[in-house]
Amino acid sequence: MKSEKKGLFHVFSQQIAIKLEIAAKRALNIKKNNSMAGIITVDYIENSQGAFTVLCAALAPYYLNAADEERVALDDIIDRYRYLQDCSIEDYYKGTDRAAEELKILLDDLGVQGID
């Protein structure tokens, strides 16, 4: 039973990592096969707990070109997920899932198209 639960958790964690990877690649206009030196990848998000790094990288170009009021909103997102750098694995995946959703909504609001 424990092995089965661990296997389900792995599938769950991988799905969340994929969700963030897709959103980050969309934000950065990175084609499917590229990974920005191995940072924007499922493995990095899942195994190195790099979700916060990936989120910050995805927001960087928007932050750079943002007006002051837009920067405040981006700062809020960054501050909201800063805890992903040091939290329990359960909190990490719950937060990563929320961060991926929030990034996707932001990209939709900005009209950023996905890469095929």
Protein backbone atom coordinates (compact mmCIF):
# COMPACT_ATOMS: atom_id res chain seq x y z
CA MET A 1 0.00 0.00 0.00
CA LYS A 2 2.80 2.46 0.88
CA SER A 3 4.53 1.82 -2.46
CA GLU A 4 1.25 2.41 -4.29
CA LYS A 5 0.71 5.70 -2.42
CA LYS A 6 4.26 6.83 -3.21
CA GLY A 7 3.68 6.01 -6.89
CA LEU A 8 0.49 8.08 -6.94
CA PHE A 9 2.30 10.98 -5.25
CA HIS A 10 5.02 10.81 -7.90
CA VAL A 11 2.43 11.01 -10.69
CA PHE A 12 0.71 13.89 -8.89
CA SER A 13 3.96 15.78 -8.31
CA GLN A 14 5.04 15.21 -11.91
CA GLN A 15 1.73 16.58 -13.23
CA ILE A 16 2.17 19.73 -11.15
CA ALA A 17 5.76 20.14 -12.33
CA ILE A 18 4.61 19.74 -15.95
CA LYS A 19 1.93 22.38 -15.40
CA LEU A 20 4.52 24.91 -14.19
CA GLU A 21 7.01 23.97 -16.90
CA ILE A 22 4.40 24.58 -19.63
CA ALA A 23 3.36 27.93 -18.16
CA ALA A 24 6.97 29.08 -17.72
CA LYS A 25 7.92 28.08 -21.27
CA ARG A 26 4.87 29.96 -22.52
CA ALA A 27 5.88 33.04 -20.50
CA LEU A 28 9.42 32.95 -21.85
CA ASN A 29 8.51 31.92 -25.41
CA ILE A 30 10.64 28.75 -25.10
CA LYS A 31 9.97 25.94 -27.54
CA LYS A 32 8.99 22.52 -26.14
CA ASN A 33 12.43 20.91 -26.58
CA ASN A 34 14.40 23.75 -25.01
CA SER A 35 14.79 24.18 -21.28
CA MET A 36 16.87 27.32 -20.57
CA ALA A 37 19.97 25.40 -19.49
CA GLY A 38 17.99 22.74 -17.64
CA ILE A 39 16.15 25.19 -15.37
CA ILE A 40 12.71 25.22 -17.02
CA THR A 41 12.20 21.47 -16.75
CA VAL A 42 9.99 19.03 -14.90
CA ASP A 43 13.08 17.43 -13.33
CA TYR A 44 14.33 20.73 -11.94
CA ILE A 45 10.92 21.65 -10.56
CA GLU A 46 10.24 18.19 -9.14
CA ASN A 47 13.65 16.93 -8.00
CA SER A 48 15.49 20.13 -7.15
CA GLN A 49 12.42 21.90 -5.76
CA GLY A 50 13.11 24.75 -8.17
CA ALA A 51 9.55 26.03 -8.58
CA PHE A 52 10.34 29.45 -7.09
CA THR A 53 13.33 29.88 -9.41
CA VAL A 54 11.22 28.87 -12.41
CA LEU A 55 8.42 31.24 -11.39
CA CYS A 56 10.84 34.16 -10.98
CA ALA A 57 12.50 33.41 -14.32
CA ALA A 58 9.08 33.30 -16.01
CA LEU A 59 8.07 36.65 -14.51
CA ALA A 60 11.41 38.41 -15.14
CA PRO A 61 10.70 39.84 -18.64
CA TYR A 62 7.29 41.10 -17.55
CA TYR A 63 8.77 42.64 -14.42
CA LEU A 64 11.45 44.40 -16.44
CA ASN A 65 8.92 46.00 -18.79
CA ALA A 66 6.22 46.66 -16.19
CA ALA A 67 4.90 50.01 -15.06
CA ASP A 68 5.18 50.70 -11.32
CA GLU A 69 1.65 49.52 -10.52
CA GLU A 70 2.19 46.35 -12.55
CA ARG A 71 5.43 45.70 -10.66
CA VAL A 72 3.52 45.83 -7.39
CA ALA A 73 1.27 43.00 -8.62
CA LEU A 74 4.27 40.97 -9.79
CA ASP A 75 6.03 41.60 -6.45
CA ASP A 76 2.92 40.25 -4.72
CA ILE A 77 3.10 37.03 -6.73
CA ILE A 78 6.80 36.63 -5.97
CA ASP A 79 6.28 37.32 -2.26
CA ARG A 80 3.33 34.93 -2.12
CA TYR A 81 5.43 32.00 -3.36
CA ARG A 82 8.79 32.81 -1.74
CA TYR A 83 8.09 30.10 0.86
CA LEU A 84 8.51 27.43 -1.86
CA GLN A 85 12.25 27.72 -1.30
CA ASP A 86 11.97 26.12 2.14
CA CYS A 87 8.80 24.24 3.04
CA SER A 88 7.44 20.73 3.44
CA ILE A 89 7.08 18.63 0.31
CA GLU A 90 3.29 18.69 0.64
CA ASP A 91 3.24 22.50 0.91
CA TYR A 92 5.73 22.68 -1.97
CA TYR A 93 3.44 20.85 -4.40
CA LYS A 94 0.29 22.61 -3.25
CA GLY A 95 2.03 25.97 -3.67
CA THR A 96 3.61 24.99 -6.98
CA ASP A 97 0.20 24.02 -8.30
CA ARG A 98 -1.27 27.38 -7.24
CA ALA A 99 1.72 29.26 -8.69
CA ALA A 100 1.33 27.48 -12.04
CA GLU A 101 -2.37 28.36 -12.12
CA GLU A 102 -1.69 31.98 -11.21
CA LEU A 103 1.03 32.26 -13.86
CA LYS A 104 -1.32 30.79 -16.47
CA ILE A 105 -4.06 33.29 -15.56
CA LEU A 106 -1.57 36.16 -15.73
CA LEU A 107 -0.43 35.04 -19.19
CA ASP A 108 -4.04 34.72 -20.34
CA ASP A 109 -4.73 38.27 -19.07
CA LEU A 110 -1.66 39.54 -20.93
CA GLY A 111 -2.68 37.72 -24.13
CA VAL A 112 0.52 35.62 -24.22
CA GLN A 113 0.09 32.75 -26.66
CA GLY A 114 1.41 29.25 -26.12
CA ILE A 115 4.27 27.75 -28.10
CA ASP A 116 3.68 24.69 -30.23
